[in-house]
Amino acid sequence: MIDQPVAEAWQTRVSDWLVRSGCRYMMAWGLECGSWDDSVDWSRLIADNFEDVPDDRRVMTTWHENEMLVETFWFAHHFAEHPSVSLTNLVIIDIFPEDRENEILTAYFTSPDRGEE
């Protein structure tokens, strides 16, 4: 979730961290979210010296520029899947100067047709 502009170098460091940490599906939502899609894609390519990677290390990326946050959460729950790896954890990263944890968790857990976990 991107709600403020960030420096390109910082975005690259975060994207590199996501790839190194084992992220297999990155969904970007908010301000200039398409650039995050590209940044994570580049980080994956650079991490593997622009060579083909095994399917289980591939990082899927999507951006959700014109969607409401609850729609993006719904997509994450119903459609985000990796072709080779079972996605079992969801990590929400909020790029905003103030703590909004309760608001974000409420939006996630009340997204339409989310179902029970």
N, C-alpha and C. Protein backbone atom coordinates (compact mmCIF):
# COMPACT_ATOMS: atom_id res chain seq x y z
N MET A 1 0.85 -1.16 0.00
CA MET A 1 0.00 0.00 0.00
C MET A 1 0.90 1.22 0.00
N ILE A 2 0.80 2.02 -1.05
CA ILE A 2 1.66 3.18 -1.20
C ILE A 2 0.81 4.43 -1.13
N ASP A 3 1.01 5.23 -0.09
CA ASP A 3 0.23 6.45 0.09
C ASP A 3 1.11 7.69 0.18
N GLN A 4 2.37 7.56 -0.20
CA GLN A 4 3.25 8.73 -0.24
C GLN A 4 4.37 8.47 -1.23
N PRO A 5 4.89 9.53 -1.84
CA PRO A 5 6.01 9.34 -2.78
C PRO A 5 7.23 8.82 -2.03
N VAL A 6 8.03 8.02 -2.72
CA VAL A 6 9.27 7.50 -2.13
C VAL A 6 10.41 7.72 -3.12
N ALA A 7 11.62 7.78 -2.59
CA ALA A 7 12.80 7.91 -3.43
C ALA A 7 13.02 6.61 -4.19
N GLU A 8 13.48 6.72 -5.42
CA GLU A 8 13.71 5.52 -6.24
C GLU A 8 14.69 4.56 -5.58
N ALA A 9 15.74 5.08 -4.96
CA ALA A 9 16.73 4.21 -4.30
C ALA A 9 16.09 3.43 -3.16
N TRP A 10 15.21 4.07 -2.40
CA TRP A 10 14.54 3.38 -1.29
C TRP A 10 13.61 2.31 -1.85
N GLN A 11 12.88 2.63 -2.91
CA GLN A 11 11.99 1.66 -3.54
C GLN A 11 12.79 0.45 -4.02
N THR A 12 13.94 0.68 -4.59
CA THR A 12 14.80 -0.42 -5.05
C THR A 12 15.25 -1.28 -3.88
N ARG A 13 15.64 -0.66 -2.77
CA ARG A 13 16.07 -1.43 -1.59
C ARG A 13 14.93 -2.29 -1.06
N VAL A 14 13.73 -1.73 -1.00
CA VAL A 14 12.57 -2.49 -0.51
C VAL A 14 12.26 -3.63 -1.47
N SER A 15 12.30 -3.36 -2.77
CA SER A 15 12.04 -4.40 -3.77
C SER A 15 13.07 -5.52 -3.67
N ASP A 16 14.34 -5.15 -3.52
CA ASP A 16 15.40 -6.16 -3.35
C ASP A 16 15.14 -7.00 -2.10
N TRP A 17 14.73 -6.35 -1.02
CA TRP A 17 14.44 -7.06 0.23
C TRP A 17 13.28 -8.04 0.04
N LEU A 18 12.23 -7.61 -0.66
CA LEU A 18 11.11 -8.51 -0.91
C LEU A 18 11.56 -9.76 -1.65
N VAL A 19 12.35 -9.58 -2.69
CA VAL A 19 12.83 -10.71 -3.49
C VAL A 19 13.72 -11.62 -2.64
N ARG A 20 14.67 -11.04 -1.92
CA ARG A 20 15.58 -11.83 -1.08
C ARG A 20 14.84 -12.56 0.04
N SER A 21 13.72 -11.98 0.50
CA SER A 21 12.97 -12.57 1.61
C SER A 21 12.07 -13.72 1.18
N GLY A 22 11.99 -13.96 -0.12
CA GLY A 22 11.19 -15.09 -0.59
C GLY A 22 9.79 -14.71 -1.05
N CYS A 23 9.54 -13.44 -1.26
CA CYS A 23 8.23 -13.03 -1.78
C CYS A 23 7.99 -13.72 -3.12
N ARG A 24 6.82 -14.31 -3.28
CA ARG A 24 6.50 -15.00 -4.54
C ARG A 24 5.32 -14.37 -5.26
N TYR A 25 4.63 -13.44 -4.59
CA TYR A 25 3.53 -12.71 -5.25
C TYR A 25 3.44 -11.34 -4.60
N MET A 26 3.71 -10.30 -5.37
CA MET A 26 3.66 -8.94 -4.87
C MET A 26 2.53 -8.21 -5.56
N MET A 27 1.63 -7.65 -4.74
CA MET A 27 0.52 -6.85 -5.26
C MET A 27 0.74 -5.43 -4.77
N ALA A 28 0.74 -4.47 -5.69
CA ALA A 28 0.92 -3.07 -5.31
C ALA A 28 -0.40 -2.32 -5.49
N TRP A 29 -0.68 -1.45 -4.51
CA TRP A 29 -1.89 -0.64 -4.55
C TRP A 29 -1.55 0.77 -4.08
N GLY A 30 -2.08 1.76 -4.76
CA GLY A 30 -1.91 3.13 -4.31
C GLY A 30 -1.10 3.99 -5.26
N LEU A 31 -0.46 5.00 -4.70
CA LEU A 31 0.27 6.01 -5.44
C LEU A 31 1.40 5.41 -6.28
N GLU A 32 1.33 5.61 -7.58
CA GLU A 32 2.37 5.13 -8.51
C GLU A 32 2.69 3.64 -8.31
N CYS A 33 1.65 2.86 -8.07
CA CYS A 33 1.86 1.44 -7.75
C CYS A 33 2.45 0.65 -8.92
N GLY A 34 2.23 1.12 -10.16
CA GLY A 34 2.83 0.43 -11.30
C GLY A 34 4.35 0.43 -11.25
N SER A 35 4.93 1.46 -10.66
CA SER A 35 6.39 1.50 -10.55
C SER A 35 6.90 0.43 -9.60
N TRP A 36 6.09 0.05 -8.61
CA TRP A 36 6.48 -1.03 -7.69
C TRP A 36 6.45 -2.37 -8.40
N ASP A 37 5.49 -2.56 -9.25
CA ASP A 37 5.43 -3.78 -10.06
C ASP A 37 6.73 -3.91 -10.86
N ASP A 38 7.12 -2.84 -11.52
CA ASP A 38 8.36 -2.85 -12.31
C ASP A 38 9.59 -3.03 -11.43
N SER A 39 9.62 -2.35 -10.30
CA SER A 39 10.78 -2.41 -9.42
C SER A 39 11.04 -3.82 -8.90
N VAL A 40 9.98 -4.50 -8.49
CA VAL A 40 10.14 -5.88 -8.00
C VAL A 40 10.54 -6.80 -9.15
N ASP A 41 9.97 -6.59 -10.33
CA ASP A 41 10.38 -7.39 -11.49
C ASP A 41 11.88 -7.22 -11.76
N TRP A 42 12.36 -5.97 -11.74
CA TRP A 42 13.79 -5.72 -11.97
C TRP A 42 14.65 -6.34 -10.89
N SER A 43 14.21 -6.26 -9.64
CA SER A 43 14.98 -6.86 -8.55
C SER A 43 15.13 -8.37 -8.74
N ARG A 44 14.06 -9.02 -9.20
CA ARG A 44 14.13 -10.46 -9.45
C ARG A 44 15.12 -10.75 -10.58
N LEU A 45 15.04 -9.98 -11.66
CA LEU A 45 15.97 -10.18 -12.78
C LEU A 45 17.42 -9.98 -12.36
N ILE A 46 17.69 -8.94 -11.63
CA ILE A 46 19.06 -8.64 -11.20
C ILE A 46 19.55 -9.71 -10.23
N ALA A 47 18.70 -10.17 -9.33
CA ALA A 47 19.09 -11.20 -8.36
C ALA A 47 19.54 -12.48 -9.04
N ASP A 48 19.00 -12.74 -10.22
CA ASP A 48 19.35 -13.96 -10.95
C ASP A 48 20.17 -13.68 -12.21
N ASN A 49 20.86 -12.53 -12.22
CA ASN A 49 21.74 -12.19 -13.35
C ASN A 49 21.04 -12.30 -14.69
N PHE A 50 19.76 -11.96 -14.73
CA PHE A 50 18.97 -11.95 -15.96
C PHE A 50 18.86 -13.33 -16.61
N GLU A 51 19.07 -14.38 -15.83
CA GLU A 51 18.94 -15.74 -16.33
C GLU A 51 17.56 -16.27 -15.97
N ASP A 52 17.16 -17.34 -16.65
CA ASP A 52 15.89 -17.98 -16.30
C ASP A 52 15.96 -18.49 -14.87
N VAL A 53 14.84 -18.40 -14.19
CA VAL A 53 14.77 -18.89 -12.81
C VAL A 53 13.80 -20.05 -12.76
N PRO A 54 14.02 -20.97 -11.85
CA PRO A 54 13.04 -22.05 -11.69
C PRO A 54 11.68 -21.48 -11.32
N ASP A 55 10.63 -22.15 -11.74
CA ASP A 55 9.28 -21.66 -11.48
C ASP A 55 9.02 -21.39 -10.00
N ASP A 56 9.59 -22.21 -9.11
CA ASP A 56 9.31 -22.03 -7.69
C ASP A 56 9.98 -20.77 -7.11
N ARG A 57 10.86 -20.12 -7.86
CA ARG A 57 11.48 -18.87 -7.42
C ARG A 57 10.95 -17.66 -8.17
N ARG A 58 10.05 -17.88 -9.08
CA ARG A 58 9.47 -16.78 -9.86
C ARG A 58 8.60 -15.91 -8.94
N VAL A 59 8.64 -14.60 -9.18
CA VAL A 59 7.83 -13.66 -8.41
C VAL A 59 6.74 -13.11 -9.33
N MET A 60 5.51 -13.36 -8.97
CA MET A 60 4.37 -12.82 -9.70
C MET A 60 4.15 -11.40 -9.18
N THR A 61 3.81 -10.47 -10.09
CA THR A 61 3.55 -9.10 -9.66
C THR A 61 2.29 -8.57 -10.34
N THR A 62 1.52 -7.80 -9.58
CA THR A 62 0.34 -7.12 -10.13
C THR A 62 0.27 -5.74 -9.49
N TRP A 63 -0.39 -4.83 -10.17
CA TRP A 63 -0.65 -3.53 -9.56
C TRP A 63 -2.11 -3.22 -9.75
N HIS A 64 -2.64 -2.46 -8.80
CA HIS A 64 -4.09 -2.24 -8.71
C HIS A 64 -4.35 -0.74 -8.56
N GLU A 65 -4.03 -0.03 -9.62
CA GLU A 65 -4.04 1.43 -9.61
C GLU A 65 -5.41 2.05 -9.45
N ASN A 66 -6.40 1.52 -10.10
CA ASN A 66 -7.72 2.15 -10.10
C ASN A 66 -8.75 1.33 -9.32
N GLU A 67 -8.30 0.66 -8.29
CA GLU A 67 -9.20 -0.16 -7.48
C GLU A 67 -9.27 0.39 -6.07
N MET A 68 -10.38 0.12 -5.44
CA MET A 68 -10.48 0.43 -4.01
C MET A 68 -9.65 -0.61 -3.26
N LEU A 69 -9.17 -0.24 -2.09
CA LEU A 69 -8.34 -1.14 -1.31
C LEU A 69 -9.04 -2.46 -1.02
N VAL A 70 -10.33 -2.41 -0.66
CA VAL A 70 -11.04 -3.65 -0.35
C VAL A 70 -11.13 -4.57 -1.56
N GLU A 71 -11.18 -4.01 -2.77
CA GLU A 71 -11.17 -4.83 -3.98
C GLU A 71 -9.82 -5.53 -4.16
N THR A 72 -8.77 -4.83 -3.83
CA THR A 72 -7.44 -5.43 -3.93
C THR A 72 -7.29 -6.54 -2.90
N PHE A 73 -7.79 -6.32 -1.70
CA PHE A 73 -7.77 -7.39 -0.69
C PHE A 73 -8.59 -8.58 -1.16
N TRP A 74 -9.72 -8.33 -1.79
CA TRP A 74 -10.54 -9.42 -2.31
C TRP A 74 -9.76 -10.21 -3.37
N PHE A 75 -9.08 -9.49 -4.26
CA PHE A 75 -8.25 -10.14 -5.28
C PHE A 75 -7.18 -11.01 -4.62
N ALA A 76 -6.54 -10.47 -3.59
CA ALA A 76 -5.50 -11.22 -2.89
C ALA A 76 -6.05 -12.53 -2.34
N HIS A 77 -7.24 -12.48 -1.81
CA HIS A 77 -7.82 -13.68 -1.21
C HIS A 77 -8.31 -14.69 -2.25
N HIS A 78 -8.89 -14.22 -3.35
CA HIS A 78 -9.54 -15.11 -4.30
C HIS A 78 -8.73 -15.46 -5.54
N PHE A 79 -7.83 -14.60 -5.97
CA PHE A 79 -7.18 -14.83 -7.25
C PHE A 79 -5.67 -14.89 -7.23
N ALA A 80 -5.05 -14.36 -6.21
CA ALA A 80 -3.58 -14.38 -6.17
C ALA A 80 -3.11 -15.81 -5.94
N GLU A 81 -2.48 -16.35 -6.94
CA GLU A 81 -1.89 -17.68 -6.78
C GLU A 81 -0.65 -17.78 -7.64
N HIS A 82 0.24 -18.61 -7.20
CA HIS A 82 1.51 -18.81 -7.87
C HIS A 82 1.42 -20.14 -8.61
N PRO A 83 2.01 -20.24 -9.80
CA PRO A 83 1.89 -21.50 -10.55
C PRO A 83 2.62 -22.68 -9.93
N SER A 84 3.58 -22.43 -9.04
CA SER A 84 4.38 -23.54 -8.51
C SER A 84 4.45 -23.61 -6.99
N VAL A 85 4.05 -22.57 -6.31
CA VAL A 85 4.23 -22.48 -4.86
C VAL A 85 2.90 -22.16 -4.21
N SER A 86 2.60 -22.84 -3.12
CA SER A 86 1.40 -22.53 -2.35
C SER A 86 1.66 -21.26 -1.54
N LEU A 87 0.80 -20.28 -1.69
CA LEU A 87 0.94 -19.03 -0.96
C LEU A 87 0.21 -19.16 0.37
N THR A 88 0.95 -19.17 1.46
CA THR A 88 0.34 -19.41 2.77
C THR A 88 0.36 -18.19 3.68
N ASN A 89 1.18 -17.20 3.37
CA ASN A 89 1.30 -16.02 4.22
C ASN A 89 0.99 -14.76 3.42
N LEU A 90 0.34 -13.83 4.07
CA LEU A 90 0.08 -12.53 3.49
C LEU A 90 0.76 -11.50 4.38
N VAL A 91 1.58 -10.66 3.77
CA VAL A 91 2.24 -9.58 4.49
C VAL A 91 1.75 -8.28 3.87
N ILE A 92 1.23 -7.40 4.70
CA ILE A 92 0.76 -6.11 4.23
C ILE A 92 1.79 -5.06 4.65
N ILE A 93 2.32 -4.36 3.66
CA ILE A 93 3.29 -3.30 3.92
C ILE A 93 2.60 -1.98 3.58
N ASP A 94 2.54 -1.10 4.56
CA ASP A 94 1.88 0.19 4.40
C ASP A 94 2.92 1.29 4.37
N ILE A 95 3.04 1.95 3.23
CA ILE A 95 4.00 3.04 3.09
C ILE A 95 3.23 4.34 3.32
N PHE A 96 3.22 4.74 4.57
CA PHE A 96 2.48 5.90 5.03
C PHE A 96 3.15 6.37 6.32
N PRO A 97 3.23 7.66 6.59
CA PRO A 97 3.99 8.12 7.76
C PRO A 97 3.33 7.85 9.11
N GLU A 98 2.07 7.47 9.12
CA GLU A 98 1.37 7.25 10.39
C GLU A 98 0.90 5.80 10.48
N ASP A 99 0.76 5.31 11.70
CA ASP A 99 0.29 3.95 11.94
C ASP A 99 -1.18 3.85 11.59
N ARG A 100 -1.51 2.88 10.71
CA ARG A 100 -2.92 2.64 10.33
C ARG A 100 -3.26 1.16 10.45
N GLU A 101 -2.55 0.46 11.30
CA GLU A 101 -2.71 -0.99 11.39
C GLU A 101 -4.16 -1.41 11.62
N ASN A 102 -4.82 -0.82 12.58
CA ASN A 102 -6.21 -1.22 12.87
C ASN A 102 -7.12 -0.97 11.68
N GLU A 103 -6.98 0.18 11.04
CA GLU A 103 -7.80 0.52 9.88
C GLU A 103 -7.56 -0.47 8.73
N ILE A 104 -6.32 -0.82 8.50
CA ILE A 104 -5.97 -1.72 7.41
C ILE A 104 -6.49 -3.13 7.69
N LEU A 105 -6.29 -3.61 8.91
CA LEU A 105 -6.78 -4.95 9.25
C LEU A 105 -8.29 -5.02 9.18
N THR A 106 -8.96 -3.95 9.60
CA THR A 106 -10.42 -3.91 9.48
C THR A 106 -10.84 -3.99 8.02
N ALA A 107 -10.16 -3.23 7.15
CA ALA A 107 -10.47 -3.28 5.71
C ALA A 107 -10.23 -4.67 5.15
N TYR A 108 -9.15 -5.32 5.57
CA TYR A 108 -8.85 -6.66 5.06
C TYR A 108 -9.90 -7.68 5.52
N PHE A 109 -10.20 -7.66 6.79
CA PHE A 109 -11.11 -8.68 7.32
C PHE A 109 -12.57 -8.41 7.02
N THR A 110 -12.90 -7.24 6.49
CA THR A 110 -14.28 -6.97 6.11
C THR A 110 -14.43 -6.79 4.60
N SER A 111 -13.40 -7.17 3.83
CA SER A 111 -13.52 -7.05 2.38
C SER A 111 -14.64 -7.97 1.90
N PRO A 112 -15.36 -7.55 0.86
CA PRO A 112 -16.54 -8.31 0.39
C PRO A 112 -16.23 -9.76 0.06
N ASP A 113 -17.10 -10.66 0.48
CA ASP A 113 -17.02 -12.07 0.09
C ASP A 113 -15.67 -12.67 0.41
N ARG A 114 -15.04 -12.22 1.49
CA ARG A 114 -13.71 -12.70 1.84
C ARG A 114 -13.76 -14.13 2.37
N GLY A 115 -14.81 -14.46 3.04
CA GLY A 115 -14.92 -15.82 3.58
C GLY A 115 -14.21 -15.95 4.92
N GLU A 116 -14.28 -17.11 5.48
CA GLU A 116 -13.68 -17.39 6.79
C GLU A 116 -12.33 -18.06 6.61
N GLU A 117 -11.42 -17.79 7.51
CA GLU A 117 -10.11 -18.43 7.50
C GLU A 117 -9.98 -19.32 8.71
